[in-house]
N, C-alpha and C. Protein backbone atom coordinates (compact mmCIF):
# COMPACT_ATOMS: atom_id res chain seq x y z
N MET A 1 0.85 -1.19 0.00
CA MET A 1 0.00 0.00 0.00
C MET A 1 0.89 1.25 0.00
N SER A 2 0.58 2.20 -0.86
CA SER A 2 1.37 3.44 -0.92
C SER A 2 1.17 4.24 0.36
N GLY A 3 2.09 5.17 0.59
CA GLY A 3 1.99 5.99 1.79
C GLY A 3 0.70 6.78 1.83
N THR A 4 0.28 7.29 0.67
CA THR A 4 -0.96 8.07 0.62
C THR A 4 -2.17 7.19 0.91
N ASP A 5 -2.20 6.01 0.30
CA ASP A 5 -3.32 5.10 0.54
C ASP A 5 -3.37 4.65 1.99
N ARG A 6 -2.19 4.37 2.55
CA ARG A 6 -2.15 3.96 3.95
C ARG A 6 -2.68 5.08 4.85
N ARG A 7 -2.28 6.29 4.56
CA ARG A 7 -2.73 7.44 5.36
C ARG A 7 -4.25 7.56 5.30
N HIS A 8 -4.82 7.43 4.10
CA HIS A 8 -6.28 7.50 3.96
C HIS A 8 -6.96 6.37 4.74
N GLN A 9 -6.37 5.18 4.68
CA GLN A 9 -6.93 4.05 5.42
C GLN A 9 -6.95 4.34 6.92
N LEU A 10 -5.87 4.89 7.42
CA LEU A 10 -5.78 5.20 8.85
C LEU A 10 -6.77 6.30 9.24
N LEU A 11 -6.94 7.28 8.38
CA LEU A 11 -7.87 8.37 8.67
C LEU A 11 -9.30 7.87 8.69
N GLU A 12 -9.65 6.98 7.76
CA GLU A 12 -11.00 6.43 7.74
C GLU A 12 -11.27 5.60 9.00
N ALA A 13 -10.29 4.79 9.40
CA ALA A 13 -10.45 3.99 10.61
C ALA A 13 -10.56 4.88 11.84
N ALA A 14 -9.73 5.91 11.90
CA ALA A 14 -9.76 6.83 13.05
C ALA A 14 -11.08 7.58 13.10
N LEU A 15 -11.56 8.02 11.95
CA LEU A 15 -12.83 8.74 11.90
C LEU A 15 -13.96 7.89 12.48
N ALA A 16 -14.00 6.62 12.10
CA ALA A 16 -15.07 5.74 12.57
C ALA A 16 -15.04 5.58 14.09
N ILE A 17 -13.84 5.48 14.67
CA ILE A 17 -13.75 5.28 16.12
C ILE A 17 -13.95 6.59 16.87
N PHE A 18 -13.37 7.69 16.39
CA PHE A 18 -13.60 8.99 17.02
C PHE A 18 -15.10 9.32 17.01
N ALA A 19 -15.80 8.91 15.95
CA ALA A 19 -17.23 9.18 15.85
C ALA A 19 -18.03 8.39 16.87
N ARG A 20 -17.54 7.21 17.28
CA ARG A 20 -18.24 6.38 18.26
C ARG A 20 -17.85 6.69 19.69
N LYS A 21 -16.58 7.09 19.89
CA LYS A 21 -16.07 7.20 21.26
C LYS A 21 -15.55 8.58 21.63
N GLY A 22 -15.46 9.48 20.66
CA GLY A 22 -14.89 10.78 20.95
C GLY A 22 -13.38 10.71 21.07
N PHE A 23 -12.77 11.87 21.32
CA PHE A 23 -11.31 11.92 21.43
C PHE A 23 -10.83 11.19 22.68
N ASP A 24 -11.45 11.49 23.82
CA ASP A 24 -10.99 10.92 25.09
C ASP A 24 -11.15 9.40 25.13
N GLY A 25 -12.20 8.89 24.52
CA GLY A 25 -12.47 7.46 24.59
C GLY A 25 -11.75 6.63 23.56
N THR A 26 -11.04 7.26 22.64
CA THR A 26 -10.36 6.54 21.57
C THR A 26 -8.88 6.36 21.89
N THR A 27 -8.36 5.20 21.57
CA THR A 27 -6.92 4.95 21.72
C THR A 27 -6.33 4.66 20.34
N THR A 28 -5.06 4.97 20.20
CA THR A 28 -4.38 4.67 18.93
C THR A 28 -4.29 3.17 18.72
N LYS A 29 -4.28 2.41 19.80
CA LYS A 29 -4.27 0.95 19.68
C LYS A 29 -5.54 0.46 19.00
N GLU A 30 -6.69 1.07 19.36
CA GLU A 30 -7.96 0.70 18.73
C GLU A 30 -7.96 1.06 17.26
N VAL A 31 -7.43 2.23 16.93
CA VAL A 31 -7.38 2.66 15.54
C VAL A 31 -6.51 1.70 14.73
N ALA A 32 -5.38 1.34 15.30
CA ALA A 32 -4.48 0.42 14.61
C ALA A 32 -5.16 -0.92 14.36
N ALA A 33 -5.87 -1.43 15.36
CA ALA A 33 -6.57 -2.70 15.22
C ALA A 33 -7.64 -2.62 14.13
N ALA A 34 -8.37 -1.51 14.11
CA ALA A 34 -9.43 -1.34 13.11
C ALA A 34 -8.85 -1.27 11.70
N ALA A 35 -7.65 -0.70 11.59
CA ALA A 35 -7.01 -0.58 10.28
C ALA A 35 -6.20 -1.82 9.91
N GLY A 36 -6.05 -2.74 10.87
CA GLY A 36 -5.28 -3.95 10.61
C GLY A 36 -3.79 -3.71 10.55
N VAL A 37 -3.30 -2.74 11.35
CA VAL A 37 -1.87 -2.44 11.38
C VAL A 37 -1.42 -2.37 12.83
N THR A 38 -0.14 -2.15 13.03
CA THR A 38 0.38 -1.98 14.38
C THR A 38 0.34 -0.50 14.76
N GLU A 39 0.45 -0.25 16.07
CA GLU A 39 0.51 1.15 16.52
C GLU A 39 1.71 1.86 15.92
N ALA A 40 2.78 1.14 15.69
CA ALA A 40 3.97 1.75 15.11
C ALA A 40 3.66 2.38 13.75
N ILE A 41 2.78 1.75 12.99
CA ILE A 41 2.37 2.31 11.70
C ILE A 41 1.62 3.62 11.91
N ILE A 42 0.74 3.64 12.91
CA ILE A 42 0.02 4.88 13.23
C ILE A 42 1.01 6.01 13.47
N PHE A 43 1.98 5.76 14.35
CA PHE A 43 2.91 6.81 14.74
C PHE A 43 3.94 7.14 13.66
N ARG A 44 4.05 6.28 12.66
CA ARG A 44 4.90 6.60 11.52
C ARG A 44 4.27 7.73 10.70
N HIS A 45 2.95 7.76 10.69
CA HIS A 45 2.23 8.79 9.92
C HIS A 45 1.78 9.97 10.78
N PHE A 46 1.48 9.70 12.04
CA PHE A 46 0.96 10.74 12.94
C PHE A 46 1.69 10.63 14.29
N PRO A 47 2.43 11.65 14.69
CA PRO A 47 3.25 11.54 15.89
C PRO A 47 2.48 11.38 17.20
N THR A 48 1.24 11.88 17.24
CA THR A 48 0.44 11.80 18.46
C THR A 48 -1.02 11.54 18.11
N LYS A 49 -1.81 11.17 19.11
CA LYS A 49 -3.25 10.99 18.89
C LYS A 49 -3.88 12.32 18.47
N GLN A 50 -3.42 13.42 19.05
CA GLN A 50 -3.95 14.73 18.67
C GLN A 50 -3.66 15.03 17.20
N ALA A 51 -2.47 14.69 16.75
CA ALA A 51 -2.13 14.91 15.34
C ALA A 51 -3.03 14.08 14.43
N LEU A 52 -3.34 12.87 14.85
CA LEU A 52 -4.26 12.02 14.09
C LEU A 52 -5.65 12.64 14.05
N TYR A 53 -6.10 13.12 15.19
CA TYR A 53 -7.43 13.74 15.29
C TYR A 53 -7.52 14.98 14.40
N THR A 54 -6.50 15.81 14.47
CA THR A 54 -6.48 17.02 13.64
C THR A 54 -6.50 16.66 12.16
N ALA A 55 -5.76 15.62 11.79
CA ALA A 55 -5.73 15.19 10.40
C ALA A 55 -7.09 14.68 9.94
N VAL A 56 -7.85 14.04 10.84
CA VAL A 56 -9.21 13.59 10.52
C VAL A 56 -10.09 14.79 10.19
N LEU A 57 -9.99 15.86 10.99
CA LEU A 57 -10.78 17.06 10.71
C LEU A 57 -10.39 17.67 9.36
N ASP A 58 -9.10 17.74 9.10
CA ASP A 58 -8.63 18.29 7.82
C ASP A 58 -9.09 17.43 6.64
N TYR A 59 -9.07 16.13 6.85
CA TYR A 59 -9.38 15.16 5.79
C TYR A 59 -10.75 15.40 5.20
N ARG A 60 -11.75 15.62 6.06
CA ARG A 60 -13.10 15.84 5.57
C ARG A 60 -13.32 17.28 5.11
N ALA A 61 -12.74 18.23 5.81
CA ALA A 61 -12.94 19.64 5.45
C ALA A 61 -12.30 19.97 4.11
N GLN A 62 -11.29 19.22 3.71
CA GLN A 62 -10.60 19.48 2.45
C GLN A 62 -10.99 18.50 1.36
N SER A 63 -12.10 17.79 1.55
CA SER A 63 -12.52 16.79 0.57
C SER A 63 -12.94 17.44 -0.75
N PRO A 64 -12.81 16.72 -1.85
CA PRO A 64 -13.24 17.27 -3.16
C PRO A 64 -14.72 17.67 -3.15
N GLU A 65 -15.55 16.91 -2.44
CA GLU A 65 -16.99 17.23 -2.41
C GLU A 65 -17.23 18.59 -1.78
N PHE A 66 -16.54 18.86 -0.68
CA PHE A 66 -16.72 20.17 -0.03
C PHE A 66 -16.19 21.29 -0.92
N GLN A 67 -15.05 21.06 -1.57
CA GLN A 67 -14.49 22.09 -2.45
C GLN A 67 -15.41 22.38 -3.62
N GLU A 68 -16.08 21.35 -4.14
CA GLU A 68 -17.04 21.56 -5.22
C GLU A 68 -18.21 22.41 -4.75
N SER A 69 -18.71 22.15 -3.54
CA SER A 69 -19.80 22.94 -2.99
C SER A 69 -19.36 24.39 -2.81
N LEU A 70 -18.14 24.58 -2.34
CA LEU A 70 -17.62 25.93 -2.14
C LEU A 70 -17.54 26.68 -3.47
N GLU A 71 -17.12 26.01 -4.53
CA GLU A 71 -17.06 26.66 -5.84
C GLU A 71 -18.45 27.03 -6.34
N ARG A 72 -19.44 26.17 -6.07
CA ARG A 72 -20.82 26.50 -6.46
C ARG A 72 -21.32 27.72 -5.69
N MET A 73 -20.97 27.80 -4.42
CA MET A 73 -21.38 28.97 -3.63
C MET A 73 -20.73 30.24 -4.17
N LYS A 74 -19.45 30.16 -4.52
CA LYS A 74 -18.77 31.33 -5.06
C LYS A 74 -19.39 31.76 -6.39
N ALA A 75 -19.78 30.79 -7.21
CA ALA A 75 -20.42 31.11 -8.49
C ALA A 75 -21.76 31.82 -8.25
N SER A 76 -22.50 31.38 -7.25
CA SER A 76 -23.77 32.05 -6.92
C SER A 76 -23.52 33.47 -6.45
N MET A 77 -22.46 33.68 -5.68
CA MET A 77 -22.13 35.03 -5.22
C MET A 77 -21.80 35.95 -6.38
N GLU A 78 -21.07 35.43 -7.36
CA GLU A 78 -20.71 36.24 -8.52
C GLU A 78 -21.94 36.67 -9.31
N ARG A 79 -22.99 35.83 -9.29
CA ARG A 79 -24.24 36.15 -10.00
C ARG A 79 -25.22 36.92 -9.12
N ASN A 80 -24.85 37.16 -7.86
CA ASN A 80 -25.77 37.76 -6.89
C ASN A 80 -27.05 36.93 -6.75
N ASP A 81 -26.88 35.62 -6.81
CA ASP A 81 -28.02 34.71 -6.71
C ASP A 81 -28.16 34.26 -5.26
N ASP A 82 -28.84 35.09 -4.46
CA ASP A 82 -28.97 34.83 -3.03
C ASP A 82 -29.65 33.48 -2.76
N GLU A 83 -30.70 33.21 -3.51
CA GLU A 83 -31.47 31.98 -3.28
C GLU A 83 -30.65 30.73 -3.55
N GLU A 84 -29.91 30.73 -4.65
CA GLU A 84 -29.10 29.55 -4.98
C GLU A 84 -27.95 29.40 -3.99
N LEU A 85 -27.41 30.50 -3.51
CA LEU A 85 -26.35 30.42 -2.50
C LEU A 85 -26.87 29.75 -1.24
N LEU A 86 -28.03 30.18 -0.76
CA LEU A 86 -28.62 29.57 0.43
C LEU A 86 -28.94 28.10 0.19
N ARG A 87 -29.43 27.79 -1.01
CA ARG A 87 -29.77 26.41 -1.35
C ARG A 87 -28.52 25.52 -1.32
N THR A 88 -27.45 25.99 -1.92
CA THR A 88 -26.22 25.20 -1.95
C THR A 88 -25.67 24.99 -0.54
N LEU A 89 -25.71 26.03 0.27
CA LEU A 89 -25.23 25.92 1.64
C LEU A 89 -26.05 24.91 2.43
N ALA A 90 -27.36 25.00 2.33
CA ALA A 90 -28.23 24.07 3.06
C ALA A 90 -28.06 22.64 2.57
N ARG A 91 -27.98 22.46 1.26
CA ARG A 91 -27.81 21.11 0.72
C ARG A 91 -26.48 20.50 1.14
N THR A 92 -25.44 21.32 1.20
CA THR A 92 -24.13 20.82 1.61
C THR A 92 -24.17 20.30 3.04
N VAL A 93 -24.84 21.04 3.91
CA VAL A 93 -24.93 20.63 5.31
C VAL A 93 -25.76 19.35 5.44
N VAL A 94 -26.92 19.32 4.80
CA VAL A 94 -27.79 18.14 4.87
C VAL A 94 -27.09 16.92 4.29
N LYS A 95 -26.40 17.11 3.17
CA LYS A 95 -25.69 16.00 2.54
C LYS A 95 -24.60 15.47 3.45
N SER A 96 -23.94 16.34 4.19
CA SER A 96 -22.89 15.91 5.10
C SER A 96 -23.46 14.98 6.17
N TYR A 97 -24.61 15.33 6.71
CA TYR A 97 -25.24 14.46 7.71
C TYR A 97 -25.75 13.16 7.09
N ARG A 98 -26.23 13.24 5.87
CA ARG A 98 -26.79 12.06 5.22
C ARG A 98 -25.69 11.07 4.80
N GLU A 99 -24.61 11.60 4.22
CA GLU A 99 -23.59 10.73 3.64
C GLU A 99 -22.36 10.55 4.52
N ASP A 100 -22.14 11.46 5.45
CA ASP A 100 -20.93 11.38 6.27
C ASP A 100 -21.24 11.77 7.72
N PRO A 101 -22.19 11.09 8.37
CA PRO A 101 -22.58 11.48 9.73
C PRO A 101 -21.45 11.30 10.74
N GLY A 102 -20.48 10.44 10.42
CA GLY A 102 -19.37 10.23 11.35
C GLY A 102 -18.61 11.51 11.64
N TYR A 103 -18.37 12.30 10.60
CA TYR A 103 -17.65 13.56 10.79
C TYR A 103 -18.43 14.50 11.71
N GLU A 104 -19.75 14.57 11.51
CA GLU A 104 -20.57 15.43 12.34
C GLU A 104 -20.59 14.92 13.79
N ARG A 105 -20.56 13.61 13.96
CA ARG A 105 -20.51 13.04 15.31
C ARG A 105 -19.19 13.38 16.00
N VAL A 106 -18.10 13.37 15.24
CA VAL A 106 -16.81 13.75 15.81
C VAL A 106 -16.86 15.17 16.36
N LEU A 107 -17.44 16.08 15.60
CA LEU A 107 -17.54 17.46 16.05
C LEU A 107 -18.45 17.59 17.26
N LEU A 108 -19.55 16.83 17.27
CA LEU A 108 -20.45 16.87 18.41
C LEU A 108 -19.75 16.34 19.66
N PHE A 109 -19.01 15.27 19.51
CA PHE A 109 -18.23 14.74 20.64
C PHE A 109 -17.25 15.78 21.16
N ALA A 110 -16.60 16.50 20.25
CA ALA A 110 -15.63 17.52 20.67
C ALA A 110 -16.28 18.57 21.54
N ALA A 111 -17.51 18.97 21.16
CA ALA A 111 -18.23 19.95 21.96
C ALA A 111 -18.64 19.39 23.32
N LEU A 112 -19.12 18.15 23.33
CA LEU A 112 -19.56 17.53 24.58
C LEU A 112 -18.39 17.26 25.53
N GLU A 113 -17.25 16.89 24.97
CA GLU A 113 -16.07 16.61 25.78
C GLU A 113 -15.33 17.87 26.21
N GLY A 114 -15.67 18.99 25.55
CA GLY A 114 -14.91 20.21 25.80
C GLY A 114 -13.50 20.13 25.25
N HIS A 115 -13.37 19.44 24.13
CA HIS A 115 -12.05 19.29 23.51
C HIS A 115 -11.72 20.57 22.75
N GLU A 116 -11.20 21.56 23.47
CA GLU A 116 -11.04 22.89 22.91
C GLU A 116 -10.04 22.92 21.76
N GLN A 117 -9.02 22.08 21.82
CA GLN A 117 -8.05 22.07 20.74
C GLN A 117 -8.70 21.63 19.43
N GLY A 118 -9.55 20.62 19.51
CA GLY A 118 -10.25 20.18 18.31
C GLY A 118 -11.26 21.19 17.82
N LEU A 119 -11.99 21.80 18.75
CA LEU A 119 -12.98 22.81 18.38
C LEU A 119 -12.30 24.04 17.76
N ALA A 120 -11.18 24.43 18.34
CA ALA A 120 -10.46 25.59 17.80
C ALA A 120 -9.97 25.31 16.39
N HIS A 121 -9.52 24.09 16.15
CA HIS A 121 -9.05 23.74 14.80
C HIS A 121 -10.21 23.75 13.81
N HIS A 122 -11.37 23.25 14.25
CA HIS A 122 -12.54 23.26 13.37
C HIS A 122 -12.95 24.70 13.05
N ARG A 123 -12.94 25.57 14.06
CA ARG A 123 -13.29 26.98 13.81
C ARG A 123 -12.31 27.61 12.82
N GLN A 124 -11.06 27.23 12.94
CA GLN A 124 -10.05 27.75 12.02
C GLN A 124 -10.33 27.28 10.59
N LEU A 125 -10.80 26.05 10.44
CA LEU A 125 -11.10 25.51 9.11
C LEU A 125 -12.29 26.20 8.46
N VAL A 126 -13.32 26.49 9.26
CA VAL A 126 -14.55 27.04 8.68
C VAL A 126 -14.53 28.57 8.64
N ALA A 127 -13.59 29.21 9.33
CA ALA A 127 -13.57 30.68 9.39
C ALA A 127 -13.51 31.33 8.01
N PRO A 128 -12.67 30.85 7.07
CA PRO A 128 -12.63 31.50 5.75
C PRO A 128 -13.98 31.44 5.03
N VAL A 129 -14.70 30.33 5.15
CA VAL A 129 -16.01 30.21 4.51
C VAL A 129 -17.00 31.16 5.17
N TYR A 130 -16.98 31.20 6.50
CA TYR A 130 -17.87 32.11 7.23
C TYR A 130 -17.62 33.56 6.82
N GLU A 131 -16.37 33.96 6.76
CA GLU A 131 -16.05 35.34 6.39
C GLU A 131 -16.46 35.64 4.95
N LEU A 132 -16.30 34.66 4.08
CA LEU A 132 -16.72 34.83 2.69
C LEU A 132 -18.23 35.09 2.62
N LEU A 133 -19.00 34.29 3.34
CA LEU A 133 -20.45 34.46 3.35
C LEU A 133 -20.83 35.77 4.02
N ARG A 134 -20.19 36.10 5.11
CA ARG A 134 -20.51 37.34 5.83
C ARG A 134 -20.25 38.56 4.95
N ASP A 135 -19.13 38.57 4.25
CA ASP A 135 -18.82 39.69 3.36
C ASP A 135 -19.86 39.80 2.25
N TYR A 136 -20.28 38.65 1.73
CA TYR A 136 -21.28 38.66 0.66
C TYR A 136 -22.60 39.26 1.14
N PHE A 137 -23.10 38.78 2.27
CA PHE A 137 -24.39 39.28 2.76
C PHE A 137 -24.30 40.74 3.19
N THR A 138 -23.15 41.16 3.68
CA THR A 138 -22.96 42.58 4.00
C THR A 138 -23.07 43.43 2.75
N ARG A 139 -22.44 42.97 1.67
CA ARG A 139 -22.53 43.70 0.40
C ARG A 139 -23.96 43.73 -0.12
N ARG A 140 -24.66 42.61 -0.04
CA ARG A 140 -26.03 42.57 -0.54
C ARG A 140 -26.96 43.46 0.29
N GLN A 141 -26.64 43.64 1.57
CA GLN A 141 -27.41 44.58 2.38
C GLN A 141 -27.17 46.01 1.93
N ARG A 142 -25.92 46.34 1.64
CA ARG A 142 -25.62 47.69 1.16
C ARG A 142 -26.33 47.97 -0.16
N GLU A 143 -26.52 46.92 -0.96
CA GLU A 143 -27.19 47.08 -2.25
C GLU A 143 -28.71 47.08 -2.11
N GLY A 144 -29.20 46.87 -0.89
CA GLY A 144 -30.64 46.88 -0.65
C GLY A 144 -31.34 45.60 -1.06
N ALA A 145 -30.58 44.52 -1.27
CA ALA A 145 -31.18 43.27 -1.75
C ALA A 145 -31.76 42.44 -0.62
N ILE A 146 -31.20 42.55 0.58
CA ILE A 146 -31.72 41.82 1.73
C ILE A 146 -31.84 42.76 2.92
N ILE A 147 -32.62 42.35 3.91
CA ILE A 147 -32.90 43.22 5.05
C ILE A 147 -31.66 43.39 5.91
N GLY A 148 -31.68 44.43 6.72
CA GLY A 148 -30.51 44.80 7.49
C GLY A 148 -30.33 44.10 8.81
N VAL A 149 -30.45 42.79 8.86
CA VAL A 149 -30.13 42.04 10.07
C VAL A 149 -28.64 41.71 10.04
N ASP A 150 -28.11 41.30 11.17
CA ASP A 150 -26.70 40.94 11.21
C ASP A 150 -26.44 39.81 10.22
N PRO A 151 -25.45 39.97 9.34
CA PRO A 151 -25.16 38.91 8.37
C PRO A 151 -24.88 37.56 9.02
N GLY A 152 -24.29 37.59 10.21
CA GLY A 152 -24.05 36.34 10.91
C GLY A 152 -25.34 35.63 11.26
N ALA A 153 -26.41 36.41 11.51
CA ALA A 153 -27.70 35.80 11.81
C ALA A 153 -28.27 35.10 10.58
N VAL A 154 -28.03 35.66 9.40
CA VAL A 154 -28.49 35.04 8.16
C VAL A 154 -27.81 33.68 7.98
N ILE A 155 -26.48 33.66 8.21
CA ILE A 155 -25.73 32.42 8.07
C ILE A 155 -26.18 31.40 9.11
N ALA A 156 -26.37 31.88 10.35
CA ALA A 156 -26.80 30.97 11.42
C ALA A 156 -28.19 30.42 11.15
N ALA A 157 -29.06 31.23 10.54
CA ALA A 157 -30.43 30.80 10.28
C ALA A 157 -30.47 29.64 9.28
N ILE A 158 -29.85 29.82 8.13
CA ILE A 158 -29.92 28.76 7.12
C ILE A 158 -29.07 27.56 7.55
N GLY A 159 -27.90 27.83 8.11
CA GLY A 159 -27.05 26.73 8.58
C GLY A 159 -27.69 25.98 9.74
N GLY A 160 -28.33 26.72 10.63
CA GLY A 160 -28.97 26.10 11.79
C GLY A 160 -30.14 25.22 11.41
N MET A 161 -30.96 25.68 10.47
CA MET A 161 -32.08 24.85 10.02
C MET A 161 -31.57 23.54 9.41
N ALA A 162 -30.55 23.66 8.56
CA ALA A 162 -30.02 22.46 7.89
C ALA A 162 -29.36 21.52 8.89
N LYS A 163 -28.58 22.05 9.82
CA LYS A 163 -27.89 21.20 10.80
C LYS A 163 -28.88 20.53 11.73
N ASN A 164 -29.90 21.26 12.17
CA ASN A 164 -30.88 20.67 13.07
C ASN A 164 -31.64 19.54 12.37
N TYR A 165 -31.99 19.76 11.11
CA TYR A 165 -32.67 18.71 10.34
C TYR A 165 -31.75 17.50 10.20
N GLY A 166 -30.47 17.73 9.91
CA GLY A 166 -29.53 16.63 9.79
C GLY A 166 -29.38 15.86 11.08
N MET A 167 -29.30 16.54 12.20
CA MET A 167 -29.18 15.88 13.50
C MET A 167 -30.45 15.10 13.83
N MET A 168 -31.60 15.69 13.57
CA MET A 168 -32.87 15.02 13.86
C MET A 168 -32.99 13.71 13.10
N THR A 169 -32.65 13.75 11.82
CA THR A 169 -32.88 12.57 10.98
C THR A 169 -31.75 11.55 11.03
N GLN A 170 -30.51 12.00 11.19
CA GLN A 170 -29.39 11.07 11.12
C GLN A 170 -28.83 10.66 12.47
N MET A 171 -29.14 11.41 13.52
CA MET A 171 -28.62 11.08 14.85
C MET A 171 -29.71 10.68 15.83
N PHE A 172 -30.86 11.32 15.75
CA PHE A 172 -31.91 11.12 16.75
C PHE A 172 -33.07 10.26 16.25
N GLY A 173 -33.02 9.85 14.98
CA GLY A 173 -33.99 8.89 14.48
C GLY A 173 -35.33 9.45 14.05
N PHE A 174 -35.47 10.76 13.96
CA PHE A 174 -36.72 11.33 13.46
C PHE A 174 -36.75 11.26 11.94
N HIS A 175 -37.95 11.21 11.38
CA HIS A 175 -38.10 11.16 9.93
C HIS A 175 -39.24 12.07 9.49
N ILE A 176 -39.02 12.74 8.37
CA ILE A 176 -40.08 13.52 7.75
C ILE A 176 -40.50 12.73 6.51
N GLU A 177 -41.44 11.84 6.69
CA GLU A 177 -41.79 10.88 5.64
C GLU A 177 -42.48 11.52 4.45
N SER A 178 -43.07 12.69 4.67
CA SER A 178 -43.84 13.31 3.59
C SER A 178 -42.97 14.15 2.66
N ALA A 179 -41.67 14.25 2.93
CA ALA A 179 -40.82 15.11 2.10
C ALA A 179 -39.42 14.52 1.98
N THR A 180 -38.80 14.72 0.82
CA THR A 180 -37.40 14.32 0.61
C THR A 180 -36.49 15.40 1.18
N ASP A 181 -35.19 15.09 1.23
CA ASP A 181 -34.23 16.09 1.70
C ASP A 181 -34.31 17.36 0.86
N ASP A 182 -34.38 17.19 -0.47
CA ASP A 182 -34.43 18.37 -1.34
C ASP A 182 -35.70 19.18 -1.09
N GLU A 183 -36.81 18.51 -0.84
CA GLU A 183 -38.05 19.24 -0.57
C GLU A 183 -37.97 19.99 0.75
N VAL A 184 -37.34 19.37 1.74
CA VAL A 184 -37.15 20.05 3.02
C VAL A 184 -36.27 21.29 2.84
N VAL A 185 -35.19 21.13 2.09
CA VAL A 185 -34.30 22.26 1.82
C VAL A 185 -35.05 23.38 1.11
N GLU A 186 -35.90 23.03 0.15
CA GLU A 186 -36.68 24.06 -0.54
C GLU A 186 -37.60 24.79 0.44
N GLY A 187 -38.12 24.05 1.42
CA GLY A 187 -38.91 24.70 2.46
C GLY A 187 -38.08 25.70 3.25
N PHE A 188 -36.85 25.32 3.59
CA PHE A 188 -35.96 26.24 4.30
C PHE A 188 -35.70 27.50 3.46
N ILE A 189 -35.47 27.31 2.17
CA ILE A 189 -35.19 28.45 1.30
C ILE A 189 -36.39 29.38 1.23
N HIS A 190 -37.59 28.80 1.15
CA HIS A 190 -38.79 29.64 1.11
C HIS A 190 -38.92 30.44 2.40
N ILE A 191 -38.67 29.79 3.53
CA ILE A 191 -38.74 30.49 4.81
C ILE A 191 -37.73 31.63 4.85
N MET A 192 -36.52 31.38 4.37
CA MET A 192 -35.49 32.41 4.37
C MET A 192 -35.84 33.57 3.46
N MET A 193 -36.40 33.27 2.31
CA MET A 193 -36.65 34.32 1.32
C MET A 193 -37.99 35.02 1.51
N HIS A 194 -38.99 34.30 2.08
CA HIS A 194 -40.34 34.85 2.13
C HIS A 194 -41.02 34.75 3.49
N GLY A 195 -40.41 34.07 4.46
CA GLY A 195 -41.08 33.88 5.74
C GLY A 195 -42.08 32.75 5.68
N ILE A 196 -42.91 32.63 6.71
CA ILE A 196 -43.89 31.54 6.77
C ILE A 196 -45.33 32.02 6.59
N ARG A 197 -45.54 33.31 6.54
CA ARG A 197 -46.91 33.80 6.36
C ARG A 197 -47.28 33.75 4.87
N PRO A 198 -48.54 33.39 4.57
CA PRO A 198 -48.96 33.39 3.16
C PRO A 198 -49.04 34.82 2.62
N ALA A 199 -48.87 34.93 1.32
CA ALA A 199 -48.96 36.24 0.68
C ALA A 199 -50.36 36.80 0.84
N LYS A 200 -50.44 38.10 1.05
CA LYS A 200 -51.73 38.78 1.13
C LYS A 200 -52.33 38.93 -0.25
N ALA A 201 -53.62 39.18 -0.29
CA ALA A 201 -54.31 39.35 -1.57
C ALA A 201 -53.63 40.44 -2.38
N GLY A 202 -53.33 40.11 -3.62
CA GLY A 202 -52.70 41.09 -4.50
C GLY A 202 -51.19 41.04 -4.50
N GLU A 203 -50.60 40.36 -3.52
CA GLU A 203 -49.15 40.25 -3.46
C GLU A 203 -48.69 39.08 -4.34
N LYS A 204 -47.51 39.21 -4.87
CA LYS A 204 -46.95 38.15 -5.70
C LYS A 204 -46.55 36.98 -4.80
């Protein structure tokens, strides 16, 4: 196995165990056993358990899928397409819970354990995306395209709806049987763009 392939194998094994046991409950011995290697192999690639944990966070945050979503968001910003930007952001979050719930569980464990080093690293990873979105919504407010609430509240609103839906369905076992993920996301977009009250007579 090449060094790159071995590293990916170790990261996948570590992700699965960190997702079940958190940072404190995971040992490098368990990761090695899950990957079918010795602990010495682990430490050949990662000097400490913390280094392995940090690499797991980087591994998912730098995935091609996430980078593709980021490029779609940037394209929406260039077109001033507020609705498509919100849609892409919400779909990215929901898809993460649907297809890669282990990563989200790792982050949840970090918060529950108070693993500040891991949380700080995650904040560092997402900060550039947050600032990109914040700058965009600030500009759109200056242009009069959206209302003058704090741009961070706009990001928290759409991100919070998507994350809560992902947690409900993928972690807590709730199901919205009458709607698909895409239909739920469209509901979130409608709420963001138009609120929940029906249009008055004569309104579009």
